């Protein structure tokens, strides 16, 4: 089975820190974990290559990304990533997202 979760990214200082955090967290799990953005997919478990590949996507503030996990600990992996995004204030819920898109600062 595979689990997919969609996120609205709000980081306005670039995606380097979130990319690094995603790769670090992904290495803690046995599941295959990937990031999808604009029909491109990056496997998050290849350390340095993954970070550079993510940065090459040029993810912009208020963009939607998908994180997919497949494997024995897929639920735990996505829950940990979700907690990481929330703790570091990298995502917003759909209501806030729609408000920001219609009233950019």
C-alpha atoms as a PDB file:
ATOM      1  CA  UNK A   1       0.000   0.000   0.000  1.00  0.00           C
ATOM      2  CA  UNK A   2       1.085   3.621  -0.495  1.00  0.00           C
ATOM      3  CA  UNK A   3       0.083   6.759   1.382  1.00  0.00           C
ATOM      4  CA  UNK A   4       0.146  10.212  -0.207  1.00  0.00           C
ATOM      5  CA  UNK A   5      -0.208  13.504   1.609  1.00  0.00           C
ATOM      6  CA  UNK A   6      -0.506  16.923   0.001  1.00  0.00           C
ATOM      7  CA  UNK A   7       1.019  20.052   1.539  1.00  0.00           C
ATOM      8  CA  UNK A   8       0.814  23.779   0.859  1.00  0.00           C
ATOM      9  CA  UNK A   9       4.311  25.152   1.366  1.00  0.00           C
ATOM     10  CA  UNK A  10       4.672  28.645   2.857  1.00  0.00           C
ATOM     11  CA  UNK A  11       8.403  29.034   3.329  1.00  0.00           C
ATOM     12  CA  UNK A  12       9.436  32.293   1.673  1.00  0.00           C
ATOM     13  CA  UNK A  13      13.174  31.977   2.291  1.00  0.00           C
ATOM     14  CA  UNK A  14      13.702  29.157  -0.166  1.00  0.00           C
ATOM     15  CA  UNK A  15      13.364  25.428   0.154  1.00  0.00           C
ATOM     16  CA  UNK A  16      16.916  24.464   1.213  1.00  0.00           C
ATOM     17  CA  UNK A  17      16.154  23.967   4.910  1.00  0.00           C
ATOM     18  CA  UNK A  18      12.902  22.040   4.325  1.00  0.00           C
ATOM     19  CA  UNK A  19      14.696  19.887   1.714  1.00  0.00           C
ATOM     20  CA  UNK A  20      17.464  19.058   4.183  1.00  0.00           C
ATOM     21  CA  UNK A  21      14.961  18.230   6.931  1.00  0.00           C
ATOM     22  CA  UNK A  22      12.931  16.008   4.589  1.00  0.00           C
ATOM     23  CA  UNK A  23      15.981  14.022   3.537  1.00  0.00           C
ATOM     24  CA  UNK A  24      17.196  13.636   7.142  1.00  0.00           C
ATOM     25  CA  UNK A  25      13.809  12.401   8.353  1.00  0.00           C
ATOM     26  CA  UNK A  26      13.297  10.108   5.361  1.00  0.00           C
ATOM     27  CA  UNK A  27      16.514   8.228   6.118  1.00  0.00           C
ATOM     28  CA  UNK A  28      15.057   7.195   9.503  1.00  0.00           C
ATOM     29  CA  UNK A  29      12.464   4.942   7.850  1.00  0.00           C
ATOM     30  CA  UNK A  30      12.599   1.811   5.728  1.00  0.00           C
ATOM     31  CA  UNK A  31       9.700   2.908   3.518  1.00  0.00           C
ATOM     32  CA  UNK A  32      10.327   4.436   0.108  1.00  0.00           C
ATOM     33  CA  UNK A  33       9.561   8.143   0.490  1.00  0.00           C
ATOM     34  CA  UNK A  34       9.295  10.586  -2.388  1.00  0.00           C
ATOM     35  CA  UNK A  35       8.403  14.202  -3.031  1.00  0.00           C
ATOM     36  CA  UNK A  36       6.316  15.140  -6.077  1.00  0.00           C
ATOM     37  CA  UNK A  37       6.086  18.623  -7.538  1.00  0.00           C
ATOM     38  CA  UNK A  38       4.804  19.615 -10.970  1.00  0.00           C
ATOM     39  CA  UNK A  39       4.773  16.015 -12.235  1.00  0.00           C
ATOM     40  CA  UNK A  40       8.384  15.384 -11.134  1.00  0.00           C
ATOM     41  CA  UNK A  41       9.277  12.916  -8.405  1.00  0.00           C
ATOM     42  CA  UNK A  42      12.366  12.853  -6.165  1.00  0.00           C
ATOM     43  CA  UNK A  43      13.333   9.897  -3.979  1.00  0.00           C
ATOM     44  CA  UNK A  44      14.180  11.425  -0.595  1.00  0.00           C
ATOM     45  CA  UNK A  45      16.608   8.751   0.590  1.00  0.00           C
ATOM     46  CA  UNK A  46      19.675   9.618  -1.483  1.00  0.00           C
ATOM     47  CA  UNK A  47      21.113  12.207   0.905  1.00  0.00           C
ATOM     48  CA  UNK A  48      23.095  14.920  -0.913  1.00  0.00           C
ATOM     49  CA  UNK A  49      21.713  14.037  -4.349  1.00  0.00           C
ATOM     50  CA  UNK A  50      18.156  14.244  -3.003  1.00  0.00           C
ATOM     51  CA  UNK A  51      18.715  17.717  -1.578  1.00  0.00           C
ATOM     52  CA  UNK A  52      20.133  19.021  -4.853  1.00  0.00           C
ATOM     53  CA  UNK A  53      17.355  17.327  -6.830  1.00  0.00           C
ATOM     54  CA  UNK A  54      14.709  18.926  -4.588  1.00  0.00           C
ATOM     55  CA  UNK A  55      16.305  22.358  -4.934  1.00  0.00           C
ATOM     56  CA  UNK A  56      16.348  21.955  -8.721  1.00  0.00           C
ATOM     57  CA  UNK A  57      12.523  21.780  -8.614  1.00  0.00           C
ATOM     58  CA  UNK A  58      12.444  25.443  -7.519  1.00  0.00           C
ATOM     59  CA  UNK A  59       9.489  24.996  -5.192  1.00  0.00           C
ATOM     60  CA  UNK A  60       7.882  28.384  -4.627  1.00  0.00           C
ATOM     61  CA  UNK A  61       5.944  29.722  -1.626  1.00  0.00           C
ATOM     62  CA  UNK A  62       2.273  28.665  -1.631  1.00  0.00           C
ATOM     63  CA  UNK A  63       3.035  25.732  -3.916  1.00  0.00           C
ATOM     64  CA  UNK A  64       1.424  22.350  -3.421  1.00  0.00           C
ATOM     65  CA  UNK A  65       3.672  19.307  -3.070  1.00  0.00           C
ATOM     66  CA  UNK A  66       2.914  15.648  -2.471  1.00  0.00           C
ATOM     67  CA  UNK A  67       4.873  13.372  -0.170  1.00  0.00           C
ATOM     68  CA  UNK A  68       4.417   9.657  -0.809  1.00  0.00           C
ATOM     69  CA  UNK A  69       5.481   6.807   1.431  1.00  0.00           C
ATOM     70  CA  UNK A  70       5.331   3.106   0.661  1.00  0.00           C
ATOM     71  CA  UNK A  71       6.487   0.388   2.999  1.00  0.00           C
ATOM     72  CA  UNK A  72       6.123  -1.160   6.396  1.00  0.00           C
ATOM     73  CA  UNK A  73       6.489   2.135   8.315  1.00  0.00           C
ATOM     74  CA  UNK A  74       4.796   4.439   5.762  1.00  0.00           C
ATOM     75  CA  UNK A  75       2.240   5.800   8.229  1.00  0.00           C
ATOM     76  CA  UNK A  76       4.892   6.646  10.822  1.00  0.00           C
ATOM     77  CA  UNK A  77       7.069   8.245   8.149  1.00  0.00           C
ATOM     78  CA  UNK A  78       4.321  10.568   6.915  1.00  0.00           C
ATOM     79  CA  UNK A  79       3.239  11.391  10.457  1.00  0.00           C
ATOM     80  CA  UNK A  80       6.821  12.354  11.328  1.00  0.00           C
ATOM     81  CA  UNK A  81       7.101  14.522   8.196  1.00  0.00           C
ATOM     82  CA  UNK A  82       3.745  16.126   9.004  1.00  0.00           C
ATOM     83  CA  UNK A  83       4.935  16.919  12.538  1.00  0.00           C
ATOM     84  CA  UNK A  84       8.204  18.309  11.147  1.00  0.00           C
ATOM     85  CA  UNK A  85       6.388  20.618   8.706  1.00  0.00           C
ATOM     86  CA  UNK A  86       4.004  21.849  11.406  1.00  0.00           C
ATOM     87  CA  UNK A  87       6.726  22.337  14.027  1.00  0.00           C
ATOM     88  CA  UNK A  88       8.831  24.405  11.620  1.00  0.00           C
ATOM     89  CA  UNK A  89       5.798  26.306  10.283  1.00  0.00           C
ATOM     90  CA  UNK A  90       6.462  25.239   6.695  1.00  0.00           C
ATOM     91  CA  UNK A  91       2.850  24.496   5.766  1.00  0.00           C
ATOM     92  CA  UNK A  92      -0.597  26.053   6.063  1.00  0.00           C
ATOM     93  CA  UNK A  93      -4.036  24.529   5.935  1.00  0.00           C
ATOM     94  CA  UNK A  94      -6.273  24.917   2.885  1.00  0.00           C
ATOM     95  CA  UNK A  95      -8.273  27.834   4.379  1.00  0.00           C
ATOM     96  CA  UNK A  96      -5.146  29.879   5.065  1.00  0.00           C
ATOM     97  CA  UNK A  97      -3.743  28.894   1.667  1.00  0.00           C
ATOM     98  CA  UNK A  98      -6.782  30.219  -0.210  1.00  0.00           C
ATOM     99  CA  UNK A  99      -6.706  33.425   1.818  1.00  0.00           C
ATOM    100  CA  UNK A 100      -3.009  33.999   1.078  1.00  0.00           C
ATOM    101  CA  UNK A 101      -3.462  33.329  -2.641  1.00  0.00           C
ATOM    102  CA  UNK A 102      -6.287  35.853  -2.921  1.00  0.00           C
ATOM    103  CA  UNK A 103      -4.604  38.469  -0.695  1.00  0.00           C
ATOM    104  CA  UNK A 104      -0.821  38.164  -1.175  1.00  0.00           C
ATOM    105  CA  UNK A 105       1.300  40.238   1.174  1.00  0.00           C
END
